[in-house]
Amino acid sequence: GYYRYYNRPVVVTTQSTTTYPANLVTITAESVAEDIVALNRLMTRGVISEKDFERAKKTLLNRIGMSMNPDAQEATTEYLIGQIETLHQMHSRQLITDREFKKQKNKLLAMI
């Protein structure tokens, strides 16, 4: 014998396994402005360079209108700025070297 094949349409259904948290918030221009002001203070005091400031500012401005889950965010910009302040204080007291300060500062700025 031989087998006869028929062309039948195949219907594929998918079920989404992605779940979205109900508590998403939109990043506002006001919250970004507060972060930019704080970063500007660091730049004015010489804690970060103008290049560091411009890069972080660009990243923050690109976030306006995005949605985020505030509970899932490990490190807020405010927290990261505080960490840079702490590093600066350690550097001012000569507890860490220039190289150590720059390395850790750049790592924190990359997280913004």
PDB file of N, CA and C in Angstrom:
ATOM      1  N   GLY A   1       0.765  -1.153   0.000  1.00  0.00           N
ATOM      2  CA  GLY A   1       0.000   0.000   0.000  1.00  0.00           C
ATOM      3  C   GLY A   1       0.841   1.267   0.000  1.00  0.00           C
ATOM      4  N   TYR A   2       0.134   2.301  -0.185  1.00  0.00           N
ATOM      5  CA  TYR A   2       0.760   3.617  -0.116  1.00  0.00           C
ATOM      6  C   TYR A   2      -0.094   4.499   0.795  1.00  0.00           C
ATOM      7  N   TYR A   3       0.542   5.541   1.284  1.00  0.00           N
ATOM      8  CA  TYR A   3      -0.146   6.454   2.188  1.00  0.00           C
ATOM      9  C   TYR A   3      -0.480   7.738   1.456  1.00  0.00           C
ATOM     10  N   ARG A   4      -1.633   8.232   1.713  1.00  0.00           N
ATOM     11  CA  ARG A   4      -2.048   9.472   1.087  1.00  0.00           C
ATOM     12  C   ARG A   4      -2.103  10.562   2.159  1.00  0.00           C
ATOM     13  N   TYR A   5      -1.405  11.653   1.908  1.00  0.00           N
ATOM     14  CA  TYR A   5      -1.355  12.763   2.864  1.00  0.00           C
ATOM     15  C   TYR A   5      -2.263  13.875   2.375  1.00  0.00           C
ATOM     16  N   TYR A   6      -2.977  14.441   3.299  1.00  0.00           N
ATOM     17  CA  TYR A   6      -3.852  15.559   2.991  1.00  0.00           C
ATOM     18  C   TYR A   6      -3.271  16.825   3.621  1.00  0.00           C
ATOM     19  N   ASN A   7      -3.399  17.911   2.899  1.00  0.00           N
ATOM     20  CA  ASN A   7      -2.967  19.192   3.451  1.00  0.00           C
ATOM     21  C   ASN A   7      -4.072  19.727   4.343  1.00  0.00           C
ATOM     22  N   ARG A   8      -3.805  19.749   5.601  1.00  0.00           N
ATOM     23  CA  ARG A   8      -4.766  20.290   6.551  1.00  0.00           C
ATOM     24  C   ARG A   8      -4.154  21.508   7.227  1.00  0.00           C
ATOM     25  N   PRO A   9      -4.946  22.531   7.419  1.00  0.00           N
ATOM     26  CA  PRO A   9      -4.394  23.680   8.139  1.00  0.00           C
ATOM     27  C   PRO A   9      -4.103  23.297   9.594  1.00  0.00           C
ATOM     28  N   VAL A  10      -3.019  23.784  10.070  1.00  0.00           N
ATOM     29  CA  VAL A  10      -2.632  23.531  11.453  1.00  0.00           C
ATOM     30  C   VAL A  10      -2.828  24.825  12.232  1.00  0.00           C
ATOM     31  N   VAL A  11      -3.530  24.730  13.308  1.00  0.00           N
ATOM     32  CA  VAL A  11      -3.764  25.894  14.154  1.00  0.00           C
ATOM     33  C   VAL A  11      -2.876  25.759  15.380  1.00  0.00           C
ATOM     34  N   VAL A  12      -2.047  26.740  15.561  1.00  0.00           N
ATOM     35  CA  VAL A  12      -1.159  26.734  16.710  1.00  0.00           C
ATOM     36  C   VAL A  12      -1.628  27.813  17.669  1.00  0.00           C
ATOM     37  N   THR A  13      -1.835  27.428  18.886  1.00  0.00           N
ATOM     38  CA  THR A  13      -2.227  28.408  19.896  1.00  0.00           C
ATOM     39  C   THR A  13      -1.111  28.495  20.922  1.00  0.00           C
ATOM     40  N   THR A  14      -0.956  29.677  21.426  1.00  0.00           N
ATOM     41  CA  THR A  14       0.056  29.876  22.464  1.00  0.00           C
ATOM     42  C   THR A  14      -0.602  30.509  23.663  1.00  0.00           C
ATOM     43  N   GLN A  15      -0.029  30.218  24.778  1.00  0.00           N
ATOM     44  CA  GLN A  15      -0.511  30.836  26.005  1.00  0.00           C
ATOM     45  C   GLN A  15       0.650  31.621  26.570  1.00  0.00           C
ATOM     46  N   SER A  16       0.441  32.872  26.797  1.00  0.00           N
ATOM     47  CA  SER A  16       1.501  33.728  27.316  1.00  0.00           C
ATOM     48  C   SER A  16       1.844  33.317  28.734  1.00  0.00           C
ATOM     49  N   THR A  17       3.139  33.172  28.970  1.00  0.00           N
ATOM     50  CA  THR A  17       3.597  32.862  30.322  1.00  0.00           C
ATOM     51  C   THR A  17       4.184  34.088  30.994  1.00  0.00           C
ATOM     52  N   THR A  18       4.155  35.202  30.284  1.00  0.00           N
ATOM     53  CA  THR A  18       4.680  36.437  30.842  1.00  0.00           C
ATOM     54  C   THR A  18       3.618  37.075  31.718  1.00  0.00           C
ATOM     55  N   THR A  19       4.010  37.398  32.930  1.00  0.00           N
ATOM     56  CA  THR A  19       3.091  38.085  33.821  1.00  0.00           C
ATOM     57  C   THR A  19       3.654  39.466  34.102  1.00  0.00           C
ATOM     58  N   TYR A  20       2.786  40.420  34.174  1.00  0.00           N
ATOM     59  CA  TYR A  20       3.180  41.791  34.431  1.00  0.00           C
ATOM     60  C   TYR A  20       2.661  42.203  35.795  1.00  0.00           C
ATOM     61  N   PRO A  21       3.541  42.739  36.625  1.00  0.00           N
ATOM     62  CA  PRO A  21       3.082  43.175  37.946  1.00  0.00           C
ATOM     63  C   PRO A  21       2.023  44.259  37.830  1.00  0.00           C
ATOM     64  N   ALA A  22       1.101  44.242  38.751  1.00  0.00           N
ATOM     65  CA  ALA A  22       0.018  45.218  38.723  1.00  0.00           C
ATOM     66  C   ALA A  22       0.462  46.585  39.223  1.00  0.00           C
ATOM     67  N   ASN A  23       1.597  46.637  39.905  1.00  0.00           N
ATOM     68  CA  ASN A  23       1.998  47.896  40.531  1.00  0.00           C
ATOM     69  C   ASN A  23       3.055  48.652  39.733  1.00  0.00           C
ATOM     70  N   LEU A  24       3.041  48.540  38.416  1.00  0.00           N
ATOM     71  CA  LEU A  24       3.993  49.281  37.595  1.00  0.00           C
ATOM     72  C   LEU A  24       3.717  50.777  37.703  1.00  0.00           C
ATOM     73  N   VAL A  25       4.788  51.549  37.751  1.00  0.00           N
ATOM     74  CA  VAL A  25       4.646  53.001  37.779  1.00  0.00           C
ATOM     75  C   VAL A  25       5.409  53.581  36.599  1.00  0.00           C
ATOM     76  N   THR A  26       4.970  54.727  36.156  1.00  0.00           N
ATOM     77  CA  THR A  26       5.625  55.410  35.044  1.00  0.00           C
ATOM     78  C   THR A  26       6.658  56.377  35.604  1.00  0.00           C
ATOM     79  N   ILE A  27       7.835  56.352  35.019  1.00  0.00           N
ATOM     80  CA  ILE A  27       8.892  57.275  35.438  1.00  0.00           C
ATOM     81  C   ILE A  27       8.536  58.655  34.907  1.00  0.00           C
ATOM     82  N   THR A  28       8.466  59.602  35.808  1.00  0.00           N
ATOM     83  CA  THR A  28       8.030  60.951  35.441  1.00  0.00           C
ATOM     84  C   THR A  28       9.221  61.880  35.236  1.00  0.00           C
ATOM     85  N   ALA A  29       8.967  62.962  34.528  1.00  0.00           N
ATOM     86  CA  ALA A  29       9.992  63.977  34.328  1.00  0.00           C
ATOM     87  C   ALA A  29      10.397  64.600  35.662  1.00  0.00           C
ATOM     88  N   GLU A  30       9.449  64.707  36.586  1.00  0.00           N
ATOM     89  CA  GLU A  30       9.754  65.289  37.901  1.00  0.00           C
ATOM     90  C   GLU A  30      10.764  64.436  38.668  1.00  0.00           C
ATOM     91  N   SER A  31      10.560  63.116  38.662  1.00  0.00           N
ATOM     92  CA  SER A  31      11.492  62.255  39.398  1.00  0.00           C
ATOM     93  C   SER A  31      12.869  62.255  38.739  1.00  0.00           C
ATOM     94  N   VAL A  32      12.890  62.299  37.420  1.00  0.00           N
ATOM     95  CA  VAL A  32      14.163  62.350  36.702  1.00  0.00           C
ATOM     96  C   VAL A  32      14.855  63.683  36.980  1.00  0.00           C
ATOM     97  N   ALA A  33      14.082  64.765  37.030  1.00  0.00           N
ATOM     98  CA  ALA A  33      14.658  66.083  37.297  1.00  0.00           C
ATOM     99  C   ALA A  33      15.336  66.112  38.669  1.00  0.00           C
ATOM    100  N   GLU A  34      14.714  65.501  39.664  1.00  0.00           N
ATOM    101  CA  GLU A  34      15.316  65.438  41.000  1.00  0.00           C
ATOM    102  C   GLU A  34      16.662  64.719  40.962  1.00  0.00           C
ATOM    103  N   ASP A  35      16.725  63.623  40.233  1.00  0.00           N
ATOM    104  CA  ASP A  35      17.974  62.867  40.118  1.00  0.00           C
ATOM    105  C   ASP A  35      19.043  63.673  39.383  1.00  0.00           C
ATOM    106  N   ILE A  36      18.640  64.397  38.347  1.00  0.00           N
ATOM    107  CA  ILE A  36      19.593  65.205  37.584  1.00  0.00           C
ATOM    108  C   ILE A  36      20.129  66.347  38.451  1.00  0.00           C
ATOM    109  N   VAL A  37      19.266  66.949  39.262  1.00  0.00           N
ATOM    110  CA  VAL A  37      19.716  68.015  40.174  1.00  0.00           C
ATOM    111  C   VAL A  37      20.742  67.463  41.160  1.00  0.00           C
ATOM    112  N   ALA A  38      20.481  66.276  41.704  1.00  0.00           N
ATOM    113  CA  ALA A  38      21.421  65.668  42.653  1.00  0.00           C
ATOM    114  C   ALA A  38      22.755  65.361  41.979  1.00  0.00           C
ATOM    115  N   LEU A  39      22.698  64.848  40.757  1.00  0.00           N
ATOM    116  CA  LEU A  39      23.934  64.584  40.016  1.00  0.00           C
ATOM    117  C   LEU A  39      24.673  65.881  39.698  1.00  0.00           C
ATOM    118  N   ASN A  40      23.926  66.945  39.390  1.00  0.00           N
ATOM    119  CA  ASN A  40      24.533  68.240  39.110  1.00  0.00           C
ATOM    120  C   ASN A  40      25.288  68.765  40.337  1.00  0.00           C
ATOM    121  N   ARG A  41      24.716  68.537  41.512  1.00  0.00           N
ATOM    122  CA  ARG A  41      25.410  68.946  42.739  1.00  0.00           C
ATOM    123  C   ARG A  41      26.742  68.213  42.871  1.00  0.00           C
ATOM    124  N   LEU A  42      26.744  66.912  42.550  1.00  0.00           N
ATOM    125  CA  LEU A  42      27.989  66.149  42.602  1.00  0.00           C
ATOM    126  C   LEU A  42      29.005  66.708  41.611  1.00  0.00           C
ATOM    127  N   MET A  43      28.547  67.064  40.415  1.00  0.00           N
ATOM    128  CA  MET A  43      29.447  67.608  39.403  1.00  0.00           C
ATOM    129  C   MET A  43      29.994  68.968  39.851  1.00  0.00           C
ATOM    130  N   THR A  44      29.134  69.815  40.392  1.00  0.00           N
ATOM    131  CA  THR A  44      29.541  71.143  40.844  1.00  0.00           C
ATOM    132  C   THR A  44      30.613  71.048  41.933  1.00  0.00           C
ATOM    133  N   ARG A  45      30.490  70.041  42.781  1.00  0.00           N
ATOM    134  CA  ARG A  45      31.465  69.853  43.859  1.00  0.00           C
ATOM    135  C   ARG A  45      32.719  69.115  43.385  1.00  0.00           C
ATOM    136  N   GLY A  46      32.717  68.671  42.143  1.00  0.00           N
ATOM    137  CA  GLY A  46      33.881  67.979  41.611  1.00  0.00           C
ATOM    138  C   GLY A  46      33.945  66.499  41.934  1.00  0.00           C
ATOM    139  N   VAL A  47      32.845  65.945  42.440  1.00  0.00           N
ATOM    140  CA  VAL A  47      32.804  64.520  42.784  1.00  0.00           C
ATOM    141  C   VAL A  47      32.767  63.674  41.508  1.00  0.00           C
ATOM    142  N   ILE A  48      31.996  64.137  40.515  1.00  0.00           N
ATOM    143  CA  ILE A  48      31.954  63.471  39.212  1.00  0.00           C
ATOM    144  C   ILE A  48      32.315  64.493  38.144  1.00  0.00           C
ATOM    145  N   SER A  49      32.783  63.994  37.018  1.00  0.00           N
ATOM    146  CA  SER A  49      33.173  64.893  35.927  1.00  0.00           C
ATOM    147  C   SER A  49      31.951  65.325  35.125  1.00  0.00           C
ATOM    148  N   GLU A  50      32.147  66.334  34.290  1.00  0.00           N
ATOM    149  CA  GLU A  50      31.066  66.780  33.410  1.00  0.00           C
ATOM    150  C   GLU A  50      30.666  65.660  32.454  1.00  0.00           C
ATOM    151  N   LYS A  51      31.650  64.893  31.998  1.00  0.00           N
ATOM    152  CA  LYS A  51      31.369  63.759  31.104  1.00  0.00           C
ATOM    153  C   LYS A  51      30.504  62.716  31.819  1.00  0.00           C
ATOM    154  N   ASP A  52      30.841  62.413  33.084  1.00  0.00           N
ATOM    155  CA  ASP A  52      30.031  61.476  33.875  1.00  0.00           C
ATOM    156  C   ASP A  52      28.601  61.995  34.018  1.00  0.00           C
ATOM    157  N   PHE A  53      28.486  63.287  34.307  1.00  0.00           N
ATOM    158  CA  PHE A  53      27.177  63.905  34.490  1.00  0.00           C
ATOM    159  C   PHE A  53      26.349  63.810  33.213  1.00  0.00           C
ATOM    160  N   GLU A  54      26.946  64.170  32.076  1.00  0.00           N
ATOM    161  CA  GLU A  54      26.211  64.169  30.807  1.00  0.00           C
ATOM    162  C   GLU A  54      25.746  62.761  30.436  1.00  0.00           C
ATOM    163  N   ARG A  55      26.591  61.779  30.666  1.00  0.00           N
ATOM    164  CA  ARG A  55      26.228  60.389  30.344  1.00  0.00           C
ATOM    165  C   ARG A  55      25.063  59.915  31.212  1.00  0.00           C
ATOM    166  N   ALA A  56      25.148  60.188  32.523  1.00  0.00           N
ATOM    167  CA  ALA A  56      24.075  59.779  33.438  1.00  0.00           C
ATOM    168  C   ALA A  56      22.788  60.539  33.141  1.00  0.00           C
ATOM    169  N   LYS A  57      22.908  61.831  32.828  1.00  0.00           N
ATOM    170  CA  LYS A  57      21.731  62.643  32.507  1.00  0.00           C
ATOM    171  C   LYS A  57      21.021  62.083  31.277  1.00  0.00           C
ATOM    172  N   LYS A  58      21.780  61.728  30.260  1.00  0.00           N
ATOM    173  CA  LYS A  58      21.188  61.174  29.036  1.00  0.00           C
ATOM    174  C   LYS A  58      20.429  59.881  29.338  1.00  0.00           C
ATOM    175  N   THR A  59      21.033  59.025  30.155  1.00  0.00           N
ATOM    176  CA  THR A  59      20.378  57.768  30.533  1.00  0.00           C
ATOM    177  C   THR A  59      19.079  58.043  31.270  1.00  0.00           C
ATOM    178  N   LEU A  60      19.120  58.974  32.211  1.00  0.00           N
ATOM    179  CA  LEU A  60      17.914  59.303  32.987  1.00  0.00           C
ATOM    180  C   LEU A  60      16.823  59.895  32.109  1.00  0.00           C
ATOM    181  N   LEU A  61      17.180  60.816  31.215  1.00  0.00           N
ATOM    182  CA  LEU A  61      16.181  61.427  30.332  1.00  0.00           C
ATOM    183  C   LEU A  61      15.513  60.395  29.436  1.00  0.00           C
ATOM    184  N   ASN A  62      16.258  59.383  29.023  1.00  0.00           N
ATOM    185  CA  ASN A  62      15.686  58.328  28.180  1.00  0.00           C
ATOM    186  C   ASN A  62      14.686  57.464  28.927  1.00  0.00           C
ATOM    187  N   ARG A  63      14.684  57.510  30.239  1.00  0.00           N
ATOM    188  CA  ARG A  63      13.754  56.699  31.037  1.00  0.00           C
ATOM    189  C   ARG A  63      12.385  57.347  31.215  1.00  0.00           C
ATOM    190  N   ILE A  64      12.263  58.634  30.917  1.00  0.00           N
ATOM    191  CA  ILE A  64      10.977  59.315  31.123  1.00  0.00           C
ATOM    192  C   ILE A  64       9.898  58.606  30.305  1.00  0.00           C
ATOM    193  N   GLY A  65       8.797  58.288  30.962  1.00  0.00           N
ATOM    194  CA  GLY A  65       7.678  57.623  30.308  1.00  0.00           C
ATOM    195  C   GLY A  65       7.750  56.116  30.344  1.00  0.00           C
ATOM    196  N   MET A  66       8.870  55.555  30.771  1.00  0.00           N
ATOM    197  CA  MET A  66       8.988  54.101  30.857  1.00  0.00           C
ATOM    198  C   MET A  66       8.258  53.613  32.105  1.00  0.00           C
ATOM    199  N   SER A  67       7.851  52.353  32.067  1.00  0.00           N
ATOM    200  CA  SER A  67       7.210  51.749  33.230  1.00  0.00           C
ATOM    201  C   SER A  67       8.226  50.908  33.981  1.00  0.00           C
ATOM    202  N   MET A  68       8.088  50.901  35.285  1.00  0.00           N
ATOM    203  CA  MET A  68       8.980  50.081  36.092  1.00  0.00           C
ATOM    204  C   MET A  68       8.234  49.559  37.304  1.00  0.00           C
ATOM    205  N   ASN A  69       8.738  48.493  37.837  1.00  0.00           N
ATOM    206  CA  ASN A  69       8.207  47.939  39.065  1.00  0.00           C
ATOM    207  C   ASN A  69       9.088  48.456  40.193  1.00  0.00           C
ATOM    208  N   PRO A  70       8.582  49.355  41.025  1.00  0.00           N
ATOM    209  CA  PRO A  70       9.432  49.952  42.059  1.00  0.00           C
ATOM    210  C   PRO A  70       9.948  48.936  43.069  1.00  0.00           C
ATOM    211  N   ASP A  71       9.234  47.843  43.256  1.00  0.00           N
ATOM    212  CA  ASP A  71       9.664  46.822  44.201  1.00  0.00           C
ATOM    213  C   ASP A  71      10.832  45.999  43.660  1.00  0.00           C
ATOM    214  N   ALA A  72      10.941  45.912  42.336  1.00  0.00           N
ATOM    215  CA  ALA A  72      11.972  45.088  41.726  1.00  0.00           C
ATOM    216  C   ALA A  72      13.284  45.838  41.536  1.00  0.00           C
ATOM    217  N   GLN A  73      13.241  47.132  41.633  1.00  0.00           N
ATOM    218  CA  GLN A  73      14.440  47.922  41.396  1.00  0.00           C
ATOM    219  C   GLN A  73      15.317  47.864  42.636  1.00  0.00           C
ATOM    220  N   GLU A  74      16.507  47.290  42.478  1.00  0.00           N
ATOM    221  CA  GLU A  74      17.399  47.114  43.618  1.00  0.00           C
ATOM    222  C   GLU A  74      18.033  48.429  44.052  1.00  0.00           C
ATOM    223  N   ALA A  75      18.508  49.194  43.112  1.00  0.00           N
ATOM    224  CA  ALA A  75      19.229  50.410  43.453  1.00  0.00           C
ATOM    225  C   ALA A  75      18.633  51.596  42.706  1.00  0.00           C
ATOM    226  N   THR A  76      18.006  52.488  43.442  1.00  0.00           N
ATOM    227  CA  THR A  76      17.452  53.686  42.818  1.00  0.00           C
ATOM    228  C   THR A  76      18.584  54.660  42.537  1.00  0.00           C
ATOM    229  N   THR A  77      18.321  55.611  41.687  1.00  0.00           N
ATOM    230  CA  THR A  77      19.325  56.635  41.392  1.00  0.00           C
ATOM    231  C   THR A  77      19.698  57.383  42.662  1.00  0.00           C
ATOM    232  N   GLU A  78      18.723  57.657  43.498  1.00  0.00           N
ATOM    233  CA  GLU A  78      18.984  58.344  44.775  1.00  0.00           C
ATOM    234  C   GLU A  78      19.957  57.534  45.634  1.00  0.00           C
ATOM    235  N   TYR A  79      19.752  56.230  45.685  1.00  0.00           N
ATOM    236  CA  TYR A  79      20.639  55.344  46.449  1.00  0.00           C
ATOM    237  C   TYR A  79      22.051  55.367  45.861  1.00  0.00           C
ATOM    238  N   LEU A  80      22.146  55.286  44.534  1.00  0.00           N
ATOM    239  CA  LEU A  80      23.453  55.276  43.880  1.00  0.00           C
ATOM    240  C   LEU A  80      24.203  56.590  44.114  1.00  0.00           C
ATOM    241  N   ILE A  81      23.488  57.702  44.066  1.00  0.00           N
ATOM    242  CA  ILE A  81      24.102  59.002  44.336  1.00  0.00           C
ATOM    243  C   ILE A  81      24.623  59.039  45.772  1.00  0.00           C
ATOM    244  N   GLY A  82      23.862  58.498  46.695  1.00  0.00           N
ATOM    245  CA  GLY A  82      24.305  58.413  48.089  1.00  0.00           C
ATOM    246  C   GLY A  82      25.576  57.586  48.231  1.00  0.00           C
ATOM    247  N   GLN A  83      25.652  56.513  47.465  1.00  0.00           N
ATOM    248  CA  GLN A  83      26.849  55.676  47.494  1.00  0.00           C
ATOM    249  C   GLN A  83      28.065  56.424  46.948  1.00  0.00           C
ATOM    250  N   ILE A  84      27.853  57.216  45.906  1.00  0.00           N
ATOM    251  CA  ILE A  84      28.953  58.019  45.355  1.00  0.00           C
ATOM    252  C   ILE A  84      29.392  59.062  46.384  1.00  0.00           C
ATOM    253  N   GLU A  85      28.434  59.658  47.098  1.00  0.00           N
ATOM    254  CA  GLU A  85      28.757  60.608  48.172  1.00  0.00           C
ATOM    255  C   GLU A  85      29.624  59.937  49.238  1.00  0.00           C
ATOM    256  N   THR A  86      29.250  58.734  49.626  1.00  0.00           N
ATOM    257  CA  THR A  86      30.014  57.998  50.636  1.00  0.00           C
ATOM    258  C   THR A  86      31.426  57.721  50.148  1.00  0.00           C
ATOM    259  N   LEU A  87      31.556  57.303  48.903  1.00  0.00           N
ATOM    260  CA  LEU A  87      32.887  57.078  48.333  1.00  0.00           C
ATOM    261  C   LEU A  87      33.711  58.357  48.340  1.00  0.00           C
ATOM    262  N   HIS A  88      33.057  59.471  47.991  1.00  0.00           N
ATOM    263  CA  HIS A  88      33.752  60.759  47.975  1.00  0.00           C
ATOM    264  C   HIS A  88      34.261  61.122  49.371  1.00  0.00           C
ATOM    265  N   GLN A  89      33.448  60.887  50.373  1.00  0.00           N
ATOM    266  CA  GLN A  89      33.870  61.157  51.747  1.00  0.00           C
ATOM    267  C   GLN A  89      35.059  60.285  52.135  1.00  0.00           C
ATOM    268  N   MET A  90      35.017  59.016  51.750  1.00  0.00           N
ATOM    269  CA  MET A  90      36.136  58.117  52.027  1.00  0.00           C
ATOM    270  C   MET A  90      37.398  58.597  51.313  1.00  0.00           C
ATOM    271  N   HIS A  91      37.226  59.062  50.084  1.00  0.00           N
ATOM    272  CA  HIS A  91      38.352  59.565  49.305  1.00  0.00           C
ATOM    273  C   HIS A  91      38.911  60.840  49.932  1.00  0.00           C
ATOM    274  N   SER A  92      38.030  61.732  50.370  1.00  0.00           N
ATOM    275  CA  SER A  92      38.455  62.981  51.002  1.00  0.00           C
ATOM    276  C   SER A  92      39.267  62.722  52.274  1.00  0.00           C
ATOM    277  N   ARG A  93      38.909  61.668  52.993  1.00  0.00           N
ATOM    278  CA  ARG A  93      39.631  61.303  54.221  1.00  0.00           C
ATOM    279  C   ARG A  93      40.841  60.418  53.938  1.00  0.00           C
ATOM    280  N   GLN A  94      41.114  60.232  52.658  1.00  0.00           N
ATOM    281  CA  GLN A  94      42.246  59.430  52.194  1.00  0.00           C
ATOM    282  C   GLN A  94      42.168  57.980  52.672  1.00  0.00           C
ATOM    283  N   LEU A  95      40.946  57.470  52.791  1.00  0.00           N
ATOM    284  CA  LEU A  95      40.746  56.069  53.142  1.00  0.00           C
ATOM    285  C   LEU A  95      40.820  55.175  51.911  1.00  0.00           C
ATOM    286  N   ILE A  96      40.539  55.761  50.741  1.00  0.00           N
ATOM    287  CA  ILE A  96      40.678  55.043  49.478  1.00  0.00           C
ATOM    288  C   ILE A  96      41.486  55.913  48.516  1.00  0.00           C
ATOM    289  N   THR A  97      42.144  55.265  47.579  1.00  0.00           N
ATOM    290  CA  THR A  97      42.990  55.983  46.620  1.00  0.00           C
ATOM    291  C   THR A  97      42.146  56.601  45.506  1.00  0.00           C
ATOM    292  N   ASP A  98      42.790  57.464  44.710  1.00  0.00           N
ATOM    293  CA  ASP A  98      42.121  58.034  43.540  1.00  0.00           C
ATOM    294  C   ASP A  98      41.613  56.930  42.632  1.00  0.00           C
ATOM    295  N   ARG A  99      42.455  55.960  42.401  1.00  0.00           N
ATOM    296  CA  ARG A  99      42.100  54.854  41.505  1.00  0.00           C
ATOM    297  C   ARG A  99      40.901  54.067  42.030  1.00  0.00           C
ATOM    298  N   GLU A 100      40.909  53.774  43.330  1.00  0.00           N
ATOM    299  CA  GLU A 100      39.785  53.033  43.926  1.00  0.00           C
ATOM    300  C   GLU A 100      38.497  53.844  43.834  1.00  0.00           C
ATOM    301  N   PHE A 101      38.598  55.141  44.112  1.00  0.00           N
ATOM    302  CA  PHE A 101      37.414  56.003  44.027  1.00  0.00           C
ATOM    303  C   PHE A 101      36.852  56.019  42.612  1.00  0.00           C
ATOM    304  N   LYS A 102      37.710  56.263  41.621  1.00  0.00           N
ATOM    305  CA  LYS A 102      37.258  56.336  40.231  1.00  0.00           C
ATOM    306  C   LYS A 102      36.637  55.028  39.771  1.00  0.00           C
ATOM    307  N   LYS A 103      37.255  53.919  40.131  1.00  0.00           N
ATOM    308  CA  LYS A 103      36.742  52.607  39.713  1.00  0.00           C
ATOM    309  C   LYS A 103      35.340  52.368  40.272  1.00  0.00           C
ATOM    310  N   GLN A 104      35.166  52.603  41.568  1.00  0.00           N
ATOM    311  CA  GLN A 104      33.868  52.355  42.192  1.00  0.00           C
ATOM    312  C   GLN A 104      32.825  53.375  41.747  1.00  0.00           C
ATOM    313  N   LYS A 105      33.234  54.625  41.578  1.00  0.00           N
ATOM    314  CA  LYS A 105      32.321  55.674  41.092  1.00  0.00           C
ATOM    315  C   LYS A 105      31.801  55.315  39.708  1.00  0.00           C
ATOM    316  N   ASN A 106      32.710  54.891  38.829  1.00  0.00           N
ATOM    317  CA  ASN A 106      32.299  54.524  37.472  1.00  0.00           C
ATOM    318  C   ASN A 106      31.375  53.321  37.469  1.00  0.00           C
ATOM    319  N   LYS A 107      31.613  52.393  38.365  1.00  0.00           N
ATOM    320  CA  LYS A 107      30.738  51.217  38.467  1.00  0.00           C
ATOM    321  C   LYS A 107      29.324  51.644  38.875  1.00  0.00           C
ATOM    322  N   LEU A 108      29.231  52.551  39.844  1.00  0.00           N
ATOM    323  CA  LEU A 108      27.925  53.035  40.288  1.00  0.00           C
ATOM    324  C   LEU A 108      27.233  53.862  39.212  1.00  0.00           C
ATOM    325  N   LEU A 109      27.989  54.719  38.525  1.00  0.00           N
ATOM    326  CA  LEU A 109      27.397  55.530  37.451  1.00  0.00           C
ATOM    327  C   LEU A 109      26.886  54.652  36.318  1.00  0.00           C
ATOM    328  N   ALA A 110      27.534  53.533  36.071  1.00  0.00           N
ATOM    329  CA  ALA A 110      27.075  52.624  35.020  1.00  0.00           C
ATOM    330  C   ALA A 110      25.745  51.964  35.377  1.00  0.00           C
ATOM    331  N   MET A 111      25.404  51.954  36.655  1.00  0.00           N
ATOM    332  CA  MET A 111      24.148  51.342  37.089  1.00  0.00           C
ATOM    333  C   MET A 111      22.966  52.284  36.958  1.00  0.00           C
ATOM    334  N   ILE A 112      23.244  53.558  36.712  1.00  0.00           N
ATOM    335  CA  ILE A 112      22.154  54.545  36.582  1.00  0.00           C
ATOM    336  C   ILE A 112      21.417  54.313  35.277  1.00  0.00           C
TER     337      ILE A 112
END
